[in-house]
All heavy atoms as atom14 arrays in JSON, in Angstrom:
{
  "sequence": "MAEIDRMKDFKERPVYTWRQAATKYLLEYKKKPSIGLL",
  "atom14_mask": [
    [1, 1, 1, 1, 1, 1, 1, 1, 0, 0, 0, 0, 0, 0],
    [1, 1, 1, 1, 1, 0, 0, 0, 0, 0, 0, 0, 0, 0],
    [1, 1, 1, 1, 1, 1, 1, 1, 1, 0, 0, 0, 0, 0],
    [1, 1, 1, 1, 1, 1, 1, 1, 0, 0, 0, 0, 0, 0],
    [1, 1, 1, 1, 1, 1, 1, 1, 0, 0, 0, 0, 0, 0],
    [1, 1, 1, 1, 1, 1, 1, 1, 1, 1, 1, 0, 0, 0],
    [1, 1, 1, 1, 1, 1, 1, 1, 0, 0, 0, 0, 0, 0],
    [1, 1, 1, 1, 1, 1, 1, 1, 1, 0, 0, 0, 0, 0],
    [1, 1, 1, 1, 1, 1, 1, 1, 0, 0, 0, 0, 0, 0],
    [1, 1, 1, 1, 1, 1, 1, 1, 1, 1, 1, 0, 0, 0],
    [1, 1, 1, 1, 1, 1, 1, 1, 1, 0, 0, 0, 0, 0],
    [1, 1, 1, 1, 1, 1, 1, 1, 1, 0, 0, 0, 0, 0],
    [1, 1, 1, 1, 1, 1, 1, 1, 1, 1, 1, 0, 0, 0],
    [1, 1, 1, 1, 1, 1, 1, 0, 0, 0, 0, 0, 0, 0],
    [1, 1, 1, 1, 1, 1, 1, 0, 0, 0, 0, 0, 0, 0],
    [1, 1, 1, 1, 1, 1, 1, 1, 1, 1, 1, 1, 0, 0],
    [1, 1, 1, 1, 1, 1, 1, 0, 0, 0, 0, 0, 0, 0],
    [1, 1, 1, 1, 1, 1, 1, 1, 1, 1, 1, 1, 1, 1],
    [1, 1, 1, 1, 1, 1, 1, 1, 1, 1, 1, 0, 0, 0],
    [1, 1, 1, 1, 1, 1, 1, 1, 1, 0, 0, 0, 0, 0],
    [1, 1, 1, 1, 1, 0, 0, 0, 0, 0, 0, 0, 0, 0],
    [1, 1, 1, 1, 1, 0, 0, 0, 0, 0, 0, 0, 0, 0],
    [1, 1, 1, 1, 1, 1, 1, 0, 0, 0, 0, 0, 0, 0],
    [1, 1, 1, 1, 1, 1, 1, 1, 1, 0, 0, 0, 0, 0],
    [1, 1, 1, 1, 1, 1, 1, 1, 1, 1, 1, 1, 0, 0],
    [1, 1, 1, 1, 1, 1, 1, 1, 0, 0, 0, 0, 0, 0],
    [1, 1, 1, 1, 1, 1, 1, 1, 0, 0, 0, 0, 0, 0],
    [1, 1, 1, 1, 1, 1, 1, 1, 1, 0, 0, 0, 0, 0],
    [1, 1, 1, 1, 1, 1, 1, 1, 1, 1, 1, 1, 0, 0],
    [1, 1, 1, 1, 1, 1, 1, 1, 1, 0, 0, 0, 0, 0],
    [1, 1, 1, 1, 1, 1, 1, 1, 1, 0, 0, 0, 0, 0],
    [1, 1, 1, 1, 1, 1, 1, 1, 1, 0, 0, 0, 0, 0],
    [1, 1, 1, 1, 1, 1, 1, 0, 0, 0, 0, 0, 0, 0],
    [1, 1, 1, 1, 1, 1, 0, 0, 0, 0, 0, 0, 0, 0],
    [1, 1, 1, 1, 1, 1, 1, 1, 0, 0, 0, 0, 0, 0],
    [1, 1, 1, 1, 0, 0, 0, 0, 0, 0, 0, 0, 0, 0],
    [1, 1, 1, 1, 1, 1, 1, 1, 0, 0, 0, 0, 0, 0],
    [1, 1, 1, 1, 1, 1, 1, 1, 0, 0, 0, 0, 0, 0]
  ],
  "atom14_positions": [
    [[1.1, 1.23, 8.57], [0.24, 2.41, 8.57], [0.94, 3.59, 9.2], [0.85, 4.73, 8.72], [-1.08, 2.1, 9.31], [-1.99, 1.11, 8.59], [-2.57, 1.76, 7.0], [-3.61, 3.09, 7.59], [0.0, 0.0, 0.0], [0.0, 0.0, 0.0], [0.0, 0.0, 0.0], [0.0, 0.0, 0.0], [0.0, 0.0, 0.0], [0.0, 0.0, 0.0]],
    [[1.67, 3.31, 10.31], [2.4, 4.39, 10.98], [3.46, 4.97, 10.06], [3.69, 6.18, 10.03], [3.02, 3.86, 12.27], [0.0, 0.0, 0.0], [0.0, 0.0, 0.0], [0.0, 0.0, 0.0], [0.0, 0.0, 0.0], [0.0, 0.0, 0.0], [0.0, 0.0, 0.0], [0.0, 0.0, 0.0], [0.0, 0.0, 0.0], [0.0, 0.0, 0.0]],
    [[4.12, 4.1, 9.29], [5.17, 4.57, 8.38], [4.57, 5.42, 7.26], [5.12, 6.45, 6.87], [5.92, 3.37, 7.78], [7.11, 3.79, 6.93], [7.89, 2.59, 6.44], [7.66, 1.47, 6.95], [8.74, 2.78, 5.56], [0.0, 0.0, 0.0], [0.0, 0.0, 0.0], [0.0, 0.0, 0.0], [0.0, 0.0, 0.0], [0.0, 0.0, 0.0]],
    [[3.41, 5.01, 6.76], [2.73, 5.78, 5.71], [2.33, 7.15, 6.25], [2.5, 8.18, 5.59], [1.5, 5.02, 5.19], [1.95, 3.76, 4.43], [0.65, 5.9, 4.29], [0.82, 2.85, 4.03], [0.0, 0.0, 0.0], [0.0, 0.0, 0.0], [0.0, 0.0, 0.0], [0.0, 0.0, 0.0], [0.0, 0.0, 0.0], [0.0, 0.0, 0.0]],
    [[1.76, 7.16, 7.48], [1.38, 8.44, 8.08], [2.6, 9.35, 8.26], [2.53, 10.56, 8.04], [0.71, 8.2, 9.45], [-0.67, 7.58, 9.29], [-1.25, 7.73, 8.2], [-1.14, 6.96, 10.25], [0.0, 0.0, 0.0], [0.0, 0.0, 0.0], [0.0, 0.0, 0.0], [0.0, 0.0, 0.0], [0.0, 0.0, 0.0], [0.0, 0.0, 0.0]],
    [[3.72, 8.76, 8.66], [4.92, 9.56, 8.87], [5.42, 10.15, 7.54], [5.85, 11.3, 7.48], [6.02, 8.7, 9.5], [7.25, 9.51, 9.93], [8.25, 8.67, 10.71], [8.86, 7.64, 9.87], [8.57, 6.35, 9.94], [7.65, 5.92, 10.81], [9.15, 5.47, 9.16], [0.0, 0.0, 0.0], [0.0, 0.0, 0.0], [0.0, 0.0, 0.0]],
    [[5.34, 9.36, 6.49], [5.78, 9.86, 5.18], [4.9, 11.01, 4.73], [5.36, 11.98, 4.13], [5.75, 8.72, 4.15], [6.89, 7.71, 4.31], [6.99, 6.52, 2.96], [5.46, 5.62, 3.16], [0.0, 0.0, 0.0], [0.0, 0.0, 0.0], [0.0, 0.0, 0.0], [0.0, 0.0, 0.0], [0.0, 0.0, 0.0], [0.0, 0.0, 0.0]],
    [[3.59, 10.91, 5.02], [2.68, 11.98, 4.64], [2.92, 13.23, 5.47], [2.92, 14.35, 4.97], [1.23, 11.52, 4.79], [0.8, 10.5, 3.75], [-0.67, 10.12, 3.94], [-1.13, 9.16, 2.87], [-2.55, 8.77, 3.06], [0.0, 0.0, 0.0], [0.0, 0.0, 0.0], [0.0, 0.0, 0.0], [0.0, 0.0, 0.0], [0.0, 0.0, 0.0]],
    [[3.12, 13.03, 6.79], [3.3, 14.17, 7.69], [4.64, 14.87, 7.49], [4.72, 16.1, 7.5], [3.17, 13.71, 9.14], [1.75, 13.24, 9.47], [0.83, 13.64, 8.73], [1.59, 12.48, 10.44], [0.0, 0.0, 0.0], [0.0, 0.0, 0.0], [0.0, 0.0, 0.0], [0.0, 0.0, 0.0], [0.0, 0.0, 0.0], [0.0, 0.0, 0.0]],
    [[5.7, 14.08, 7.31], [7.03, 14.68, 7.25], [7.62, 14.65, 5.83], [8.79, 14.99, 5.65], [7.97, 13.94, 8.21], [7.57, 14.04, 9.64], [6.86, 13.01, 10.25], [7.86, 15.18, 10.38], [6.47, 13.11, 11.59], [7.48, 15.28, 11.71], [6.78, 14.25, 12.32], [0.0, 0.0, 0.0], [0.0, 0.0, 0.0], [0.0, 0.0, 0.0]],
    [[6.79, 14.3, 4.86], [7.24, 14.28, 3.47], [8.48, 13.39, 3.3], [9.43, 13.77, 2.61], [7.53, 15.7, 2.98], [6.36, 16.65, 3.06], [5.26, 16.25, 2.09], [4.13, 17.28, 2.1], [3.02, 16.9, 1.21], [0.0, 0.0, 0.0], [0.0, 0.0, 0.0], [0.0, 0.0, 0.0], [0.0, 0.0, 0.0], [0.0, 0.0, 0.0]],
    [[8.48, 12.26, 3.94], [9.6, 11.34, 3.78], [9.41, 10.48, 2.54], [8.29, 10.09, 2.21], [9.72, 10.43, 5.01], [10.19, 11.15, 6.27], [10.38, 10.19, 7.42], [10.3, 8.96, 7.19], [10.61, 10.66, 8.54], [0.0, 0.0, 0.0], [0.0, 0.0, 0.0], [0.0, 0.0, 0.0], [0.0, 0.0, 0.0], [0.0, 0.0, 0.0]],
    [[10.51, 10.18, 1.88], [10.45, 9.36, 0.67], [10.28, 7.88, 1.04], [10.93, 7.4, 1.96], [11.74, 9.51, -0.13], [11.9, 10.85, -0.82], [13.23, 10.88, -1.57], [13.34, 12.08, -2.36], [13.73, 13.26, -1.9], [14.06, 13.37, -0.61], [13.79, 14.32, -2.67], [0.0, 0.0, 0.0], [0.0, 0.0, 0.0], [0.0, 0.0, 0.0]],
    [[9.42, 7.19, 0.31], [9.38, 5.72, 0.48], [10.72, 5.14, 0.02], [11.47, 5.78, -0.71], [8.25, 5.29, -0.46], [7.5, 6.53, -0.79], [8.46, 7.66, -0.68], [0.0, 0.0, 0.0], [0.0, 0.0, 0.0], [0.0, 0.0, 0.0], [0.0, 0.0, 0.0], [0.0, 0.0, 0.0], [0.0, 0.0, 0.0], [0.0, 0.0, 0.0]],
    [[11.0, 3.94, 0.43], [12.23, 3.27, 0.0], [11.92, 2.42, -1.24], [11.1, 1.51, -1.19], [12.78, 2.37, 1.12], [14.01, 1.6, 0.62], [13.14, 3.21, 2.34], [0.0, 0.0, 0.0], [0.0, 0.0, 0.0], [0.0, 0.0, 0.0], [0.0, 0.0, 0.0], [0.0, 0.0, 0.0], [0.0, 0.0, 0.0], [0.0, 0.0, 0.0]],
    [[12.57, 2.78, -2.34], [12.4, 2.04, -3.58], [13.65, 1.2, -3.84], [14.78, 1.66, -3.66], [12.19, 2.99, -4.77], [10.91, 3.78, -4.69], [10.9, 5.09, -4.22], [9.7, 3.22, -5.11], [9.73, 5.82, -4.16], [8.52, 3.95, -5.05], [8.54, 5.24, -4.58], [7.38, 5.96, -4.51], [0.0, 0.0, 0.0], [0.0, 0.0, 0.0]],
    [[13.45, -0.02, -4.27], [14.58, -0.9, -4.57], [15.02, -0.72, -6.02], [14.28, -0.18, -6.86], [14.22, -2.37, -4.35], [13.21, -2.76, -5.31], [13.69, -2.61, -2.94], [0.0, 0.0, 0.0], [0.0, 0.0, 0.0], [0.0, 0.0, 0.0], [0.0, 0.0, 0.0], [0.0, 0.0, 0.0], [0.0, 0.0, 0.0], [0.0, 0.0, 0.0]],
    [[16.22, -1.22, -6.29], [16.73, -1.18, -7.67], [15.79, -1.94, -8.6], [15.51, -1.48, -9.72], [18.13, -1.78, -7.74], [18.54, -2.05, -9.16], [18.52, -3.24, -9.81], [18.97, -1.07, -10.11], [18.93, -3.07, -11.11], [19.21, -1.76, -11.33], [19.17, 0.31, -10.06], [19.65, -1.1, -12.48], [19.61, 0.96, -11.21], [19.84, 0.27, -12.4]],
    [[15.26, -3.07, -8.14], [14.39, -3.87, -9.0], [13.14, -3.1, -9.39], [12.68, -3.18, -10.53], [14.02, -5.18, -8.3], [13.24, -6.14, -9.2], [13.05, -7.5, -8.56], [14.33, -8.16, -8.36], [14.78, -8.55, -7.16], [14.06, -8.35, -6.07], [15.94, -9.15, -7.06], [0.0, 0.0, 0.0], [0.0, 0.0, 0.0], [0.0, 0.0, 0.0]],
    [[12.57, -2.35, -8.46], [11.39, -1.53, -8.78], [11.73, -0.47, -9.82], [10.97, -0.24, -10.77], [10.86, -0.86, -7.5], [10.18, -1.81, -6.53], [9.78, -1.09, -5.25], [10.65, -0.6, -4.51], [8.49, -1.04, -4.98], [0.0, 0.0, 0.0], [0.0, 0.0, 0.0], [0.0, 0.0, 0.0], [0.0, 0.0, 0.0], [0.0, 0.0, 0.0]],
    [[12.87, 0.17, -9.63], [13.28, 1.22, -10.56], [13.59, 0.64, -11.94], [13.2, 1.2, -12.97], [14.49, 1.97, -10.01], [0.0, 0.0, 0.0], [0.0, 0.0, 0.0], [0.0, 0.0, 0.0], [0.0, 0.0, 0.0], [0.0, 0.0, 0.0], [0.0, 0.0, 0.0], [0.0, 0.0, 0.0], [0.0, 0.0, 0.0], [0.0, 0.0, 0.0]],
    [[14.3, -0.49, -11.97], [14.66, -1.1, -13.24], [13.42, -1.56, -14.0], [13.33, -1.42, -15.22], [15.59, -2.29, -12.99], [0.0, 0.0, 0.0], [0.0, 0.0, 0.0], [0.0, 0.0, 0.0], [0.0, 0.0, 0.0], [0.0, 0.0, 0.0], [0.0, 0.0, 0.0], [0.0, 0.0, 0.0], [0.0, 0.0, 0.0], [0.0, 0.0, 0.0]],
    [[12.44, -2.1, -13.26], [11.2, -2.54, -13.9], [10.44, -1.36, -14.5], [9.94, -1.43, -15.62], [10.31, -3.26, -12.88], [11.03, -4.38, -12.33], [9.02, -3.75, -13.53], [0.0, 0.0, 0.0], [0.0, 0.0, 0.0], [0.0, 0.0, 0.0], [0.0, 0.0, 0.0], [0.0, 0.0, 0.0], [0.0, 0.0, 0.0], [0.0, 0.0, 0.0]],
    [[10.37, -0.27, -13.75], [9.68, 0.93, -14.24], [10.37, 1.47, -15.5], [9.71, 1.82, -16.48], [9.66, 2.0, -13.15], [8.95, 3.31, -13.55], [8.87, 4.27, -12.38], [8.26, 5.61, -12.78], [6.87, 5.46, -13.27], [0.0, 0.0, 0.0], [0.0, 0.0, 0.0], [0.0, 0.0, 0.0], [0.0, 0.0, 0.0], [0.0, 0.0, 0.0]],
    [[11.68, 1.51, -15.46], [12.45, 2.01, -16.62], [12.23, 1.12, -17.83], [12.03, 1.6, -18.96], [13.93, 2.08, -16.25], [14.8, 2.75, -17.28], [14.95, 4.14, -17.3], [15.49, 2.0, -18.24], [15.75, 4.76, -18.24], [16.3, 2.62, -19.18], [16.43, 4.0, -19.18], [17.23, 4.61, -20.12], [0.0, 0.0, 0.0], [0.0, 0.0, 0.0]],
    [[12.25, -0.19, -17.62], [12.06, -1.14, -18.71], [10.69, -0.98, -19.36], [10.55, -1.03, -20.58], [12.25, -2.56, -18.18], [12.38, -3.7, -19.19], [13.62, -3.51, -20.05], [12.43, -5.04, -18.49], [0.0, 0.0, 0.0], [0.0, 0.0, 0.0], [0.0, 0.0, 0.0], [0.0, 0.0, 0.0], [0.0, 0.0, 0.0], [0.0, 0.0, 0.0]],
    [[9.68, -0.77, -18.54], [8.33, -0.59, -19.07], [8.17, 0.73, -19.8], [7.5, 0.81, -20.83], [7.31, -0.68, -17.93], [7.14, -2.07, -17.29], [6.24, -1.98, -16.06], [6.58, -3.05, -18.31], [0.0, 0.0, 0.0], [0.0, 0.0, 0.0], [0.0, 0.0, 0.0], [0.0, 0.0, 0.0], [0.0, 0.0, 0.0], [0.0, 0.0, 0.0]],
    [[8.8, 1.77, -19.27], [8.68, 3.08, -19.91], [9.39, 3.13, -21.25], [9.01, 3.89, -22.14], [9.23, 4.17, -18.98], [8.33, 4.48, -17.8], [8.81, 5.69, -17.0], [9.87, 6.26, -17.35], [8.12, 6.07, -16.04], [0.0, 0.0, 0.0], [0.0, 0.0, 0.0], [0.0, 0.0, 0.0], [0.0, 0.0, 0.0], [0.0, 0.0, 0.0]],
    [[10.45, 2.33, -21.39], [11.25, 2.37, -22.61], [11.12, 1.06, -23.39], [12.06, 0.66, -24.09], [12.71, 2.64, -22.26], [12.95, 4.06, -21.79], [12.84, 4.39, -20.45], [13.25, 5.07, -22.7], [13.05, 5.69, -20.01], [13.45, 6.36, -22.27], [13.35, 6.67, -20.93], [13.55, 7.96, -20.5], [0.0, 0.0, 0.0], [0.0, 0.0, 0.0]],
    [[9.95, 0.43, -23.32], [9.77, -0.85, -24.0], [9.82, -0.72, -25.52], [10.03, -1.71, -26.22], [8.46, -1.49, -23.56], [7.22, -0.67, -23.87], [5.98, -1.36, -23.29], [4.73, -0.54, -23.53], [3.54, -1.18, -22.92], [0.0, 0.0, 0.0], [0.0, 0.0, 0.0], [0.0, 0.0, 0.0], [0.0, 0.0, 0.0], [0.0, 0.0, 0.0]],
    [[9.63, 0.5, -26.04], [9.72, 0.71, -27.49], [11.12, 1.16, -27.92], [11.34, 1.47, -29.08], [8.68, 1.73, -27.94], [7.25, 1.24, -27.78], [6.25, 2.23, -28.33], [4.83, 1.7, -28.19], [3.83, 2.65, -28.74], [0.0, 0.0, 0.0], [0.0, 0.0, 0.0], [0.0, 0.0, 0.0], [0.0, 0.0, 0.0], [0.0, 0.0, 0.0]],
    [[12.03, 1.19, -26.98], [13.41, 1.58, -27.28], [13.99, 0.57, -28.27], [13.82, -0.63, -28.1], [14.22, 1.58, -25.98], [15.56, 2.26, -26.05], [16.21, 2.21, -24.65], [17.59, 2.83, -24.65], [17.56, 4.28, -24.8], [0.0, 0.0, 0.0], [0.0, 0.0, 0.0], [0.0, 0.0, 0.0], [0.0, 0.0, 0.0], [0.0, 0.0, 0.0]],
    [[14.69, 1.04, -29.33], [15.25, 0.1, -30.31], [16.14, -0.97, -29.68], [16.15, -2.1, -30.12], [16.05, 1.02, -31.25], [15.37, 2.34, -31.15], [14.9, 2.44, -29.73], [0.0, 0.0, 0.0], [0.0, 0.0, 0.0], [0.0, 0.0, 0.0], [0.0, 0.0, 0.0], [0.0, 0.0, 0.0], [0.0, 0.0, 0.0], [0.0, 0.0, 0.0]],
    [[16.86, -0.59, -28.63], [17.8, -1.54, -28.01], [17.19, -2.22, -26.78], [17.89, -2.52, -25.82], [19.08, -0.82, -27.61], [18.79, 0.28, -26.75], [0.0, 0.0, 0.0], [0.0, 0.0, 0.0], [0.0, 0.0, 0.0], [0.0, 0.0, 0.0], [0.0, 0.0, 0.0], [0.0, 0.0, 0.0], [0.0, 0.0, 0.0], [0.0, 0.0, 0.0]],
    [[15.86, -2.46, -26.8], [15.18, -3.01, -25.64], [15.75, -4.38, -25.26], [15.83, -4.73, -24.07], [13.66, -3.11, -25.9], [12.91, -3.59, -24.65], [13.36, -3.99, -27.09], [12.96, -2.63, -23.5], [0.0, 0.0, 0.0], [0.0, 0.0, 0.0], [0.0, 0.0, 0.0], [0.0, 0.0, 0.0], [0.0, 0.0, 0.0], [0.0, 0.0, 0.0]],
    [[16.16, -5.18, -26.23], [16.72, -6.49, -25.92], [18.0, -6.4, -25.12], [18.19, -7.11, -24.13], [0.0, 0.0, 0.0], [0.0, 0.0, 0.0], [0.0, 0.0, 0.0], [0.0, 0.0, 0.0], [0.0, 0.0, 0.0], [0.0, 0.0, 0.0], [0.0, 0.0, 0.0], [0.0, 0.0, 0.0], [0.0, 0.0, 0.0], [0.0, 0.0, 0.0]],
    [[18.88, -5.49, -25.56], [20.14, -5.28, -24.83], [19.87, -4.72, -23.44], [20.49, -5.13, -22.46], [21.04, -4.32, -25.61], [22.34, -3.9, -24.95], [23.23, -5.09, -24.69], [23.07, -2.87, -25.81], [0.0, 0.0, 0.0], [0.0, 0.0, 0.0], [0.0, 0.0, 0.0], [0.0, 0.0, 0.0], [0.0, 0.0, 0.0], [0.0, 0.0, 0.0]],
    [[18.92, -3.78, -23.36], [18.57, -3.18, -22.07], [18.09, -4.26, -21.09], [18.54, -4.33, -19.95], [17.48, -2.13, -22.28], [16.78, -1.59, -21.03], [17.77, -0.94, -20.09], [15.67, -0.6, -21.42], [0.0, 0.0, 0.0], [0.0, 0.0, 0.0], [0.0, 0.0, 0.0], [0.0, 0.0, 0.0], [0.0, 0.0, 0.0], [0.0, 0.0, 0.0]]
  ]
}
């Protein structure tokens, strides 16, 4: 909770992992022709 408050007060970025980013990208581009290769 303290970390969330600090991010709100000081506009600090949360820490995102590569897996979170890769999953988001995969879902956003699931209709990409080369989705299997991706």
